[in-house]
Amino acid sequence: MQVFHVPSLREKLRASHASYREFLRVPSMSCGLYSLPMGADDPQVPHTEDELYYVASGEGRIRVGLEDQPVRPGAIVFVPKGVEHKFHSITADLVLLVVFSPARTPPGES
């Protein structure tokens, strides 16, 4: 068993000076923490994996395809592989738990 604590994961993400930090990888899925500060532009492009986002903190909006919805703590958003999606109109720093299935292909690998 592995147990992860969001506050500890947040500290590791902050220390890495990155917006995304993976903390679990197995063949069937990978998980990471993604952070977007208030007012940020989300640079994402469609992924080759299905994604699930859980909003741990913050507020903003997400556009998935042609749909647009507000998000706040407790929201869970599913994004099918290959679909354009972006967080926007971020009014409070977003911290998101992200689950990719199958495991995300790291950038630069194919």
C-alpha atoms as a PDB file:
ATOM      1  CA  MET A   1       0.000   0.000   0.000  1.00  0.00           C
ATOM      2  CA  GLN A   2       1.057   3.545  -0.678  1.00  0.00           C
ATOM      3  CA  VAL A   3      -0.538   6.515   1.076  1.00  0.00           C
ATOM      4  CA  PHE A   4      -0.107  10.077  -0.156  1.00  0.00           C
ATOM      5  CA  HIS A   5      -0.981  13.325   1.618  1.00  0.00           C
ATOM      6  CA  VAL A   6      -1.925  16.360  -0.445  1.00  0.00           C
ATOM      7  CA  PRO A   7      -0.141  18.888   1.831  1.00  0.00           C
ATOM      8  CA  SER A   8       3.131  16.966   1.460  1.00  0.00           C
ATOM      9  CA  LEU A   9       2.626  16.642  -2.311  1.00  0.00           C
ATOM     10  CA  ARG A  10       1.984  20.406  -2.523  1.00  0.00           C
ATOM     11  CA  GLU A  11       5.279  21.133  -0.750  1.00  0.00           C
ATOM     12  CA  LYS A  12       7.186  18.872  -3.153  1.00  0.00           C
ATOM     13  CA  LEU A  13       5.481  20.548  -6.121  1.00  0.00           C
ATOM     14  CA  ARG A  14       6.384  24.025  -4.804  1.00  0.00           C
ATOM     15  CA  ALA A  15       9.987  22.972  -4.200  1.00  0.00           C
ATOM     16  CA  SER A  16      10.279  21.646  -7.765  1.00  0.00           C
ATOM     17  CA  HIS A  17       9.291  25.059  -9.236  1.00  0.00           C
ATOM     18  CA  ALA A  18       7.108  23.203 -11.753  1.00  0.00           C
ATOM     19  CA  SER A  19       3.371  23.337 -12.380  1.00  0.00           C
ATOM     20  CA  TYR A  20       3.001  19.515 -12.511  1.00  0.00           C
ATOM     21  CA  ARG A  21       4.650  16.781 -10.458  1.00  0.00           C
ATOM     22  CA  GLU A  22       3.885  13.097 -10.823  1.00  0.00           C
ATOM     23  CA  PHE A  23       3.794  11.056  -7.628  1.00  0.00           C
ATOM     24  CA  LEU A  24       2.554   7.639  -8.789  1.00  0.00           C
ATOM     25  CA  ARG A  25       3.088   5.588 -11.938  1.00  0.00           C
ATOM     26  CA  VAL A  26       1.882   2.070 -12.676  1.00  0.00           C
ATOM     27  CA  PRO A  27       1.046   0.682 -16.136  1.00  0.00           C
ATOM     28  CA  SER A  28      -2.696   1.304 -15.793  1.00  0.00           C
ATOM     29  CA  MET A  29      -2.468   4.905 -14.533  1.00  0.00           C
ATOM     30  CA  SER A  30      -0.304   7.762 -13.367  1.00  0.00           C
ATOM     31  CA  CYS A  31      -1.166  10.471 -10.846  1.00  0.00           C
ATOM     32  CA  GLY A  32       0.197  13.914 -10.229  1.00  0.00           C
ATOM     33  CA  LEU A  33      -0.508  17.281  -8.716  1.00  0.00           C
ATOM     34  CA  TYR A  34      -1.049  20.239 -11.056  1.00  0.00           C
ATOM     35  CA  SER A  35      -0.987  23.837  -9.869  1.00  0.00           C
ATOM     36  CA  LEU A  36      -2.170  26.959 -11.693  1.00  0.00           C
ATOM     37  CA  PRO A  37      -1.918  30.351  -9.956  1.00  0.00           C
ATOM     38  CA  MET A  38      -4.669  32.944 -10.035  1.00  0.00           C
ATOM     39  CA  GLY A  39      -4.869  34.544 -13.495  1.00  0.00           C
ATOM     40  CA  ALA A  40      -2.618  31.926 -15.142  1.00  0.00           C
ATOM     41  CA  ASP A  41      -2.958  30.637 -18.687  1.00  0.00           C
ATOM     42  CA  ASP A  42      -3.238  26.846 -18.846  1.00  0.00           C
ATOM     43  CA  PRO A  43      -0.752  25.637 -21.517  1.00  0.00           C
ATOM     44  CA  GLN A  44      -2.220  22.138 -21.882  1.00  0.00           C
ATOM     45  CA  VAL A  45      -2.722  20.371 -25.168  1.00  0.00           C
ATOM     46  CA  PRO A  46      -4.907  17.262 -25.630  1.00  0.00           C
ATOM     47  CA  HIS A  47      -3.406  14.116 -24.121  1.00  0.00           C
ATOM     48  CA  THR A  48      -3.312  10.559 -25.436  1.00  0.00           C
ATOM     49  CA  GLU A  49      -4.770   9.281 -22.148  1.00  0.00           C
ATOM     50  CA  ASP A  50      -8.114   9.735 -20.402  1.00  0.00           C
ATOM     51  CA  GLU A  51      -7.850  12.193 -17.501  1.00  0.00           C
ATOM     52  CA  LEU A  52      -9.637  12.751 -14.239  1.00  0.00           C
ATOM     53  CA  TYR A  53      -9.171  16.016 -12.321  1.00  0.00           C
ATOM     54  CA  TYR A  54     -10.083  16.508  -8.671  1.00  0.00           C
ATOM     55  CA  VAL A  55     -10.028  20.122  -7.487  1.00  0.00           C
ATOM     56  CA  ALA A  56      -8.233  20.136  -4.111  1.00  0.00           C
ATOM     57  CA  SER A  57      -8.295  23.935  -3.769  1.00  0.00           C
ATOM     58  CA  GLY A  58      -8.891  27.110  -5.719  1.00  0.00           C
ATOM     59  CA  GLU A  59     -11.523  28.338  -8.137  1.00  0.00           C
ATOM     60  CA  GLY A  60     -11.807  28.924 -11.849  1.00  0.00           C
ATOM     61  CA  ARG A  61     -13.392  27.461 -14.931  1.00  0.00           C
ATOM     62  CA  ILE A  62     -12.604  24.589 -17.286  1.00  0.00           C
ATOM     63  CA  ARG A  63     -13.450  24.312 -20.960  1.00  0.00           C
ATOM     64  CA  VAL A  64     -13.650  20.760 -22.302  1.00  0.00           C
ATOM     65  CA  GLY A  65     -14.430  20.675 -26.000  1.00  0.00           C
ATOM     66  CA  LEU A  66     -17.328  23.133 -26.361  1.00  0.00           C
ATOM     67  CA  GLU A  67     -18.489  22.850 -22.735  1.00  0.00           C
ATOM     68  CA  ASP A  68     -17.473  25.338 -20.049  1.00  0.00           C
ATOM     69  CA  GLN A  69     -18.051  24.867 -16.310  1.00  0.00           C
ATOM     70  CA  PRO A  70     -16.972  26.482 -13.038  1.00  0.00           C
ATOM     71  CA  VAL A  71     -14.724  24.425 -10.748  1.00  0.00           C
ATOM     72  CA  ARG A  72     -14.083  24.725  -7.029  1.00  0.00           C
ATOM     73  CA  PRO A  73     -12.880  22.379  -4.275  1.00  0.00           C
ATOM     74  CA  GLY A  74     -14.540  18.990  -4.487  1.00  0.00           C
ATOM     75  CA  ALA A  75     -15.261  19.170  -8.244  1.00  0.00           C
ATOM     76  CA  ILE A  76     -14.284  16.145 -10.330  1.00  0.00           C
ATOM     77  CA  VAL A  77     -13.870  16.540 -14.098  1.00  0.00           C
ATOM     78  CA  PHE A  78     -13.418  13.714 -16.626  1.00  0.00           C
ATOM     79  CA  VAL A  79     -11.670  14.551 -19.919  1.00  0.00           C
ATOM     80  CA  PRO A  80     -11.579  11.844 -22.616  1.00  0.00           C
ATOM     81  CA  LYS A  81      -8.293  11.329 -24.442  1.00  0.00           C
ATOM     82  CA  GLY A  82      -7.693  13.626 -27.386  1.00  0.00           C
ATOM     83  CA  VAL A  83     -10.224  16.295 -26.312  1.00  0.00           C
ATOM     84  CA  GLU A  84      -9.071  19.917 -26.029  1.00  0.00           C
ATOM     85  CA  HIS A  85      -9.366  21.280 -22.502  1.00  0.00           C
ATOM     86  CA  LYS A  86      -8.083  24.264 -20.552  1.00  0.00           C
ATOM     87  CA  PHE A  87      -8.556  25.789 -17.138  1.00  0.00           C
ATOM     88  CA  HIS A  88      -9.208  29.534 -17.358  1.00  0.00           C
ATOM     89  CA  SER A  89     -10.602  32.509 -15.438  1.00  0.00           C
ATOM     90  CA  ILE A  90      -8.713  31.310 -12.352  1.00  0.00           C
ATOM     91  CA  THR A  91      -9.792  33.503  -9.448  1.00  0.00           C
ATOM     92  CA  ALA A  92      -8.002  31.559  -6.675  1.00  0.00           C
ATOM     93  CA  ASP A  93      -4.863  29.408  -7.077  1.00  0.00           C
ATOM     94  CA  LEU A  94      -5.907  25.976  -8.382  1.00  0.00           C
ATOM     95  CA  VAL A  95      -4.384  22.778  -7.026  1.00  0.00           C
ATOM     96  CA  LEU A  96      -5.577  19.735  -8.936  1.00  0.00           C
ATOM     97  CA  LEU A  97      -5.085  16.026  -8.436  1.00  0.00           C
ATOM     98  CA  VAL A  98      -4.711  14.528 -11.933  1.00  0.00           C
ATOM     99  CA  VAL A  99      -5.148  10.852 -12.822  1.00  0.00           C
ATOM    100  CA  PHE A 100      -4.151   9.645 -16.304  1.00  0.00           C
ATOM    101  CA  SER A 101      -5.266   6.246 -17.600  1.00  0.00           C
ATOM    102  CA  PRO A 102      -3.303   4.467 -18.868  1.00  0.00           C
ATOM    103  CA  ALA A 103      -0.155   5.982 -17.398  1.00  0.00           C
ATOM    104  CA  ARG A 104       0.763   9.294 -19.048  1.00  0.00           C
ATOM    105  CA  THR A 105       3.485   9.186 -21.662  1.00  0.00           C
ATOM    106  CA  PRO A 106       6.147  11.612 -20.413  1.00  0.00           C
ATOM    107  CA  PRO A 107       6.841  14.556 -22.760  1.00  0.00           C
ATOM    108  CA  GLY A 108       9.452  13.693 -25.367  1.00  0.00           C
ATOM    109  CA  GLU A 109       8.632   9.967 -25.343  1.00  0.00           C
ATOM    110  CA  SER A 110       6.383   8.208 -27.829  1.00  0.00           C
END
